[in-house]
PDB file of all heavy atoms in Angstrom:
ATOM      1  N   LEU A   1     -31.492  86.852  -1.707  1.00  0.00           N
ATOM      2  CA  LEU A   1     -31.914  85.656  -1.187  1.00  0.00           C
ATOM      3  C   LEU A   1     -33.401  85.545  -0.853  1.00  0.00           C
ATOM      4  O   LEU A   1     -33.721  84.850   0.041  1.00  0.00           O
ATOM      5  CB  LEU A   1     -31.097  85.178  -0.049  1.00  0.00           C
ATOM      6  CG  LEU A   1     -29.571  85.012  -0.388  1.00  0.00           C
ATOM      7  CD1 LEU A   1     -28.780  84.576   0.822  1.00  0.00           C
ATOM      8  CD2 LEU A   1     -29.338  84.022  -1.546  1.00  0.00           C
ATOM      9  N   THR A   2     -34.346  86.389  -1.599  1.00  0.00           N
ATOM     10  CA  THR A   2     -35.722  86.298  -1.215  1.00  0.00           C
ATOM     11  C   THR A   2     -36.298  84.907  -1.190  1.00  0.00           C
ATOM     12  O   THR A   2     -37.122  84.683  -0.315  1.00  0.00           O
ATOM     13  CB  THR A   2     -36.359  87.168  -2.296  1.00  0.00           C
ATOM     14  OG1 THR A   2     -35.845  88.516  -2.355  1.00  0.00           O
ATOM     15  CG2 THR A   2     -37.938  87.304  -1.973  1.00  0.00           C
ATOM     16  N   ASN A   3     -35.738  84.148  -2.055  1.00  0.00           N
ATOM     17  CA  ASN A   3     -36.415  82.684  -2.083  1.00  0.00           C
ATOM     18  C   ASN A   3     -35.473  81.741  -1.454  1.00  0.00           C
ATOM     19  O   ASN A   3     -35.521  80.570  -1.635  1.00  0.00           O
ATOM     20  CB  ASN A   3     -36.533  82.284  -3.578  1.00  0.00           C
ATOM     21  CG  ASN A   3     -37.774  83.077  -4.264  1.00  0.00           C
ATOM     22  OD1 ASN A   3     -38.705  83.299  -3.503  1.00  0.00           O
ATOM     23  ND2 ASN A   3     -37.529  83.415  -5.413  1.00  0.00           N
ATOM     24  N   GLY A   4     -34.566  82.260  -0.560  1.00  0.00           N
ATOM     25  CA  GLY A   4     -33.748  81.291   0.228  1.00  0.00           C
ATOM     26  C   GLY A   4     -32.569  80.749  -0.523  1.00  0.00           C
ATOM     27  O   GLY A   4     -32.211  81.226  -1.638  1.00  0.00           O
ATOM     28  N   ILE A   5     -31.958  79.682  -0.004  1.00  0.00           N
ATOM     29  CA  ILE A   5     -30.895  78.919  -0.581  1.00  0.00           C
ATOM     30  C   ILE A   5     -31.461  77.966  -1.532  1.00  0.00           C
ATOM     31  O   ILE A   5     -32.283  77.133  -1.181  1.00  0.00           O
ATOM     32  CB  ILE A   5     -30.016  78.318   0.482  1.00  0.00           C
ATOM     33  CG1 ILE A   5     -29.486  79.504   1.388  1.00  0.00           C
ATOM     34  CG2 ILE A   5     -28.796  77.613  -0.099  1.00  0.00           C
ATOM     35  CD1 ILE A   5     -28.525  80.463   0.767  1.00  0.00           C
ATOM     36  N   PRO A   6     -30.862  77.783  -2.717  1.00  0.00           N
ATOM     37  CA  PRO A   6     -31.336  76.763  -3.712  1.00  0.00           C
ATOM     38  C   PRO A   6     -31.032  75.255  -3.039  1.00  0.00           C
ATOM     39  O   PRO A   6     -30.076  75.155  -2.242  1.00  0.00           O
ATOM     40  CB  PRO A   6     -30.437  77.064  -4.969  1.00  0.00           C
ATOM     41  CG  PRO A   6     -30.095  78.363  -4.823  1.00  0.00           C
ATOM     42  CD  PRO A   6     -29.813  78.712  -3.307  1.00  0.00           C
ATOM     43  N   SER A   7     -31.769  74.344  -3.423  1.00  0.00           N
ATOM     44  CA  SER A   7     -31.606  72.934  -3.086  1.00  0.00           C
ATOM     45  C   SER A   7     -30.458  72.338  -3.660  1.00  0.00           C
ATOM     46  O   SER A   7     -29.967  72.871  -4.768  1.00  0.00           O
ATOM     47  CB  SER A   7     -32.845  72.074  -3.194  1.00  0.00           C
ATOM     48  OG  SER A   7     -33.117  71.931  -4.697  1.00  0.00           O
ATOM     49  N   HIS A   8     -29.924  71.257  -3.146  1.00  0.00           N
ATOM     50  CA  HIS A   8     -28.868  70.557  -3.789  1.00  0.00           C
ATOM     51  C   HIS A   8     -29.296  70.037  -5.097  1.00  0.00           C
ATOM     52  O   HIS A   8     -28.392  70.006  -6.065  1.00  0.00           O
ATOM     53  CB  HIS A   8     -28.303  69.450  -2.893  1.00  0.00           C
ATOM     54  CG  HIS A   8     -29.326  68.277  -2.683  1.00  0.00           C
ATOM     55  ND1 HIS A   8     -30.266  68.357  -1.599  1.00  0.00           N
ATOM     56  CD2 HIS A   8     -29.543  67.102  -3.469  1.00  0.00           C
ATOM     57  CE1 HIS A   8     -30.930  67.183  -1.705  1.00  0.00           C
ATOM     58  NE2 HIS A   8     -30.607  66.530  -2.776  1.00  0.00           N
ATOM     59  N   ASP A   9     -30.511  69.740  -5.356  1.00  0.00           N
ATOM     60  CA  ASP A   9     -31.007  69.274  -6.650  1.00  0.00           C
ATOM     61  C   ASP A   9     -30.861  70.352  -7.561  1.00  0.00           C
ATOM     62  O   ASP A   9     -30.691  70.224  -8.857  1.00  0.00           O
ATOM     63  CB  ASP A   9     -32.455  68.710  -6.526  1.00  0.00           C
ATOM     64  CG  ASP A   9     -32.539  67.350  -5.877  1.00  0.00           C
ATOM     65  OD1 ASP A   9     -31.548  66.573  -6.000  1.00  0.00           O
ATOM     66  OD2 ASP A   9     -33.605  67.079  -5.319  1.00  0.00           O
ATOM     67  N   THR A  10     -31.267  71.644  -7.234  1.00  0.00           N
ATOM     68  CA  THR A  10     -31.127  72.765  -8.091  1.00  0.00           C
ATOM     69  C   THR A  10     -29.731  73.025  -8.575  1.00  0.00           C
ATOM     70  O   THR A  10     -29.472  73.258  -9.680  1.00  0.00           O
ATOM     71  CB  THR A  10     -31.786  74.003  -7.316  1.00  0.00           C
ATOM     72  OG1 THR A  10     -33.166  73.745  -7.129  1.00  0.00           O
ATOM     73  CG2 THR A  10     -31.652  75.234  -8.302  1.00  0.00           C
ATOM     74  N   PHE A  11     -28.862  72.963  -7.549  1.00  0.00           N
ATOM     75  CA  PHE A  11     -27.369  73.215  -7.899  1.00  0.00           C
ATOM     76  C   PHE A  11     -26.926  72.155  -8.982  1.00  0.00           C
ATOM     77  O   PHE A  11     -26.369  72.478 -10.034  1.00  0.00           O
ATOM     78  CB  PHE A  11     -26.543  73.163  -6.721  1.00  0.00           C
ATOM     79  CG  PHE A  11     -26.494  74.285  -5.710  1.00  0.00           C
ATOM     80  CD1 PHE A  11     -27.197  74.369  -4.485  1.00  0.00           C
ATOM     81  CD2 PHE A  11     -25.840  75.446  -6.186  1.00  0.00           C
ATOM     82  CE1 PHE A  11     -27.120  75.495  -3.753  1.00  0.00           C
ATOM     83  CE2 PHE A  11     -25.892  76.604  -5.504  1.00  0.00           C
ATOM     84  CZ  PHE A  11     -26.561  76.592  -4.172  1.00  0.00           C
ATOM     85  N   GLY A  12     -27.190  70.933  -8.704  1.00  0.00           N
ATOM     86  CA  GLY A  12     -26.855  69.839  -9.564  1.00  0.00           C
ATOM     87  C   GLY A  12     -27.455  69.930 -10.921  1.00  0.00           C
ATOM     88  O   GLY A  12     -26.851  69.795 -12.009  1.00  0.00           O
ATOM     89  N   ARG A  13     -28.821  70.289 -11.071  1.00  0.00           N
ATOM     90  CA  ARG A  13     -29.396  70.366 -12.235  1.00  0.00           C
ATOM     91  C   ARG A  13     -28.939  71.571 -13.075  1.00  0.00           C
ATOM     92  O   ARG A  13     -28.602  71.528 -14.301  1.00  0.00           O
ATOM     93  CB  ARG A  13     -30.983  70.629 -12.063  1.00  0.00           C
ATOM     94  CG  ARG A  13     -31.705  70.589 -13.308  1.00  0.00           C
ATOM     95  CD  ARG A  13     -33.253  70.584 -13.059  1.00  0.00           C
ATOM     96  NE  ARG A  13     -33.669  71.693 -12.215  1.00  0.00           N
ATOM     97  CZ  ARG A  13     -34.035  71.610 -10.904  1.00  0.00           C
ATOM     98  NH1 ARG A  13     -33.900  70.522 -10.294  1.00  0.00           N
ATOM     99  NH2 ARG A  13     -34.277  72.682 -10.236  1.00  0.00           N
ATOM    100  N   VAL A  14     -28.685  72.652 -12.440  1.00  0.00           N
ATOM    101  CA  VAL A  14     -28.214  73.909 -13.257  1.00  0.00           C
ATOM    102  C   VAL A  14     -26.793  73.702 -13.675  1.00  0.00           C
ATOM    103  O   VAL A  14     -26.516  73.935 -14.940  1.00  0.00           O
ATOM    104  CB  VAL A  14     -28.214  75.149 -12.218  1.00  0.00           C
ATOM    105  CG1 VAL A  14     -27.557  76.354 -12.953  1.00  0.00           C
ATOM    106  CG2 VAL A  14     -29.672  75.514 -12.040  1.00  0.00           C
ATOM    107  N   PHE A  15     -25.905  73.228 -12.932  1.00  0.00           N
ATOM    108  CA  PHE A  15     -24.556  72.919 -13.388  1.00  0.00           C
ATOM    109  C   PHE A  15     -24.398  71.792 -14.335  1.00  0.00           C
ATOM    110  O   PHE A  15     -23.619  71.735 -15.181  1.00  0.00           O
ATOM    111  CB  PHE A  15     -23.679  72.658 -12.193  1.00  0.00           C
ATOM    112  CG  PHE A  15     -23.186  74.055 -11.570  1.00  0.00           C
ATOM    113  CD1 PHE A  15     -23.779  74.447 -10.449  1.00  0.00           C
ATOM    114  CD2 PHE A  15     -22.124  74.705 -12.131  1.00  0.00           C
ATOM    115  CE1 PHE A  15     -23.357  75.633  -9.697  1.00  0.00           C
ATOM    116  CE2 PHE A  15     -21.785  76.001 -11.517  1.00  0.00           C
ATOM    117  CZ  PHE A  15     -22.402  76.352 -10.368  1.00  0.00           C
ATOM    118  N   ALA A  16     -25.395  70.839 -14.372  1.00  0.00           N
ATOM    119  CA  ALA A  16     -25.436  69.843 -15.413  1.00  0.00           C
ATOM    120  C   ALA A  16     -25.882  70.347 -16.745  1.00  0.00           C
ATOM    121  O   ALA A  16     -25.443  69.931 -17.769  1.00  0.00           O
ATOM    122  CB  ALA A  16     -26.356  68.593 -14.973  1.00  0.00           C
ATOM    123  N   LEU A  17     -26.656  71.431 -16.738  1.00  0.00           N
ATOM    124  CA  LEU A  17     -27.300  72.016 -17.901  1.00  0.00           C
ATOM    125  C   LEU A  17     -26.436  73.183 -18.420  1.00  0.00           C
ATOM    126  O   LEU A  17     -26.520  73.381 -19.625  1.00  0.00           O
ATOM    127  CB  LEU A  17     -28.802  72.474 -17.635  1.00  0.00           C
ATOM    128  CG  LEU A  17     -29.725  71.398 -17.448  1.00  0.00           C
ATOM    129  CD1 LEU A  17     -31.054  72.000 -17.044  1.00  0.00           C
ATOM    130  CD2 LEU A  17     -29.911  70.505 -18.624  1.00  0.00           C
ATOM    131  N   LEU A  18     -25.730  73.899 -17.605  1.00  0.00           N
ATOM    132  CA  LEU A  18     -24.874  75.054 -18.017  1.00  0.00           C
ATOM    133  C   LEU A  18     -24.011  74.583 -19.198  1.00  0.00           C
ATOM    134  O   LEU A  18     -23.169  73.656 -19.089  1.00  0.00           O
ATOM    135  CB  LEU A  18     -24.089  75.566 -16.878  1.00  0.00           C
ATOM    136  CG  LEU A  18     -24.675  76.581 -16.023  1.00  0.00           C
ATOM    137  CD1 LEU A  18     -23.680  76.986 -14.931  1.00  0.00           C
ATOM    138  CD2 LEU A  18     -25.065  77.812 -16.840  1.00  0.00           C
ATOM    139  N   ASP A  19     -23.887  75.448 -20.180  1.00  0.00           N
ATOM    140  CA  ASP A  19     -22.988  75.236 -21.303  1.00  0.00           C
ATOM    141  C   ASP A  19     -21.538  75.356 -20.769  1.00  0.00           C
ATOM    142  O   ASP A  19     -21.123  76.396 -20.320  1.00  0.00           O
ATOM    143  CB  ASP A  19     -23.251  76.303 -22.455  1.00  0.00           C
ATOM    144  CG  ASP A  19     -22.470  76.054 -23.579  1.00  0.00           C
ATOM    145  OD1 ASP A  19     -21.234  76.163 -23.582  1.00  0.00           O
ATOM    146  OD2 ASP A  19     -23.090  75.732 -24.666  1.00  0.00           O
ATOM    147  N   ALA A  20     -20.829  74.263 -20.779  1.00  0.00           N
ATOM    148  CA  ALA A  20     -19.440  74.169 -20.367  1.00  0.00           C
ATOM    149  C   ALA A  20     -18.524  75.203 -21.027  1.00  0.00           C
ATOM    150  O   ALA A  20     -17.677  75.736 -20.303  1.00  0.00           O
ATOM    151  CB  ALA A  20     -18.952  72.718 -20.438  1.00  0.00           C
ATOM    152  N   LYS A  21     -18.730  75.273 -22.303  1.00  0.00           N
ATOM    153  CA  LYS A  21     -17.778  76.228 -23.031  1.00  0.00           C
ATOM    154  C   LYS A  21     -18.165  77.719 -22.605  1.00  0.00           C
ATOM    155  O   LYS A  21     -17.156  78.476 -22.511  1.00  0.00           O
ATOM    156  CB  LYS A  21     -17.850  76.102 -24.518  1.00  0.00           C
ATOM    157  CG  LYS A  21     -17.334  74.780 -25.095  1.00  0.00           C
ATOM    158  CD  LYS A  21     -17.405  74.665 -26.634  1.00  0.00           C
ATOM    159  CE  LYS A  21     -16.842  73.404 -27.104  1.00  0.00           C
ATOM    160  NZ  LYS A  21     -15.460  73.175 -26.820  1.00  0.00           N
ATOM    161  N   GLN A  22     -19.265  78.058 -22.356  1.00  0.00           N
ATOM    162  CA  GLN A  22     -19.618  79.338 -21.891  1.00  0.00           C
ATOM    163  C   GLN A  22     -19.100  79.545 -20.487  1.00  0.00           C
ATOM    164  O   GLN A  22     -18.483  80.672 -20.203  1.00  0.00           O
ATOM    165  CB  GLN A  22     -21.198  79.555 -21.900  1.00  0.00           C
ATOM    166  CG  GLN A  22     -21.665  79.808 -23.309  1.00  0.00           C
ATOM    167  CD  GLN A  22     -23.250  80.308 -23.172  1.00  0.00           C
ATOM    168  OE1 GLN A  22     -23.645  80.553 -22.125  1.00  0.00           O
ATOM    169  NE2 GLN A  22     -23.856  80.367 -24.316  1.00  0.00           N
ATOM    170  N   PHE A  23     -19.242  78.620 -19.603  1.00  0.00           N
ATOM    171  CA  PHE A  23     -18.700  78.809 -18.297  1.00  0.00           C
ATOM    172  C   PHE A  23     -17.257  78.937 -18.282  1.00  0.00           C
ATOM    173  O   PHE A  23     -16.628  79.662 -17.597  1.00  0.00           O
ATOM    174  CB  PHE A  23     -19.130  77.518 -17.492  1.00  0.00           C
ATOM    175  CG  PHE A  23     -19.069  77.749 -15.975  1.00  0.00           C
ATOM    176  CD1 PHE A  23     -19.458  78.961 -15.433  1.00  0.00           C
ATOM    177  CD2 PHE A  23     -18.560  76.735 -15.229  1.00  0.00           C
ATOM    178  CE1 PHE A  23     -19.361  79.199 -13.990  1.00  0.00           C
ATOM    179  CE2 PHE A  23     -18.397  76.952 -13.750  1.00  0.00           C
ATOM    180  CZ  PHE A  23     -18.822  78.172 -13.189  1.00  0.00           C
ATOM    181  N   GLU A  24     -16.496  78.143 -19.173  1.00  0.00           N
ATOM    182  CA  GLU A  24     -15.063  78.223 -19.299  1.00  0.00           C
ATOM    183  C   GLU A  24     -14.749  79.623 -19.885  1.00  0.00           C
ATOM    184  O   GLU A  24     -13.697  80.290 -19.339  1.00  0.00           O
ATOM    185  CB  GLU A  24     -14.620  77.197 -20.371  1.00  0.00           C
ATOM    186  CG  GLU A  24     -13.158  77.307 -20.679  1.00  0.00           C
ATOM    187  CD  GLU A  24     -12.153  77.308 -19.603  1.00  0.00           C
ATOM    188  OE1 GLU A  24     -12.517  76.677 -18.567  1.00  0.00           O
ATOM    189  OE2 GLU A  24     -10.969  77.725 -19.813  1.00  0.00           O
ATOM    190  N   ALA A  25     -15.536  80.205 -20.795  1.00  0.00           N
ATOM    191  CA  ALA A  25     -15.276  81.573 -21.366  1.00  0.00           C
ATOM    192  C   ALA A  25     -15.336  82.590 -20.210  1.00  0.00           C
ATOM    193  O   ALA A  25     -14.658  83.572 -20.211  1.00  0.00           O
ATOM    194  CB  ALA A  25     -16.241  81.799 -22.568  1.00  0.00           C
ATOM    195  N   CYS A  26     -16.370  82.368 -19.317  1.00  0.00           N
ATOM    196  CA  CYS A  26     -16.434  83.367 -18.147  1.00  0.00           C
ATOM    197  C   CYS A  26     -15.113  83.242 -17.213  1.00  0.00           C
ATOM    198  O   CYS A  26     -14.687  84.228 -16.798  1.00  0.00           O
ATOM    199  CB  CYS A  26     -17.716  83.012 -17.403  1.00  0.00           C
ATOM    200  SG  CYS A  26     -19.200  83.282 -18.158  1.00  0.00           S
TER     201      CYS A  26
END
């Protein structure tokens, strides 16, 4: 956590962009 905790915008943006099929495969 060198750069601390991500902002809520970062969480929202990353999960909006994450490939849903890949995440399901994980």
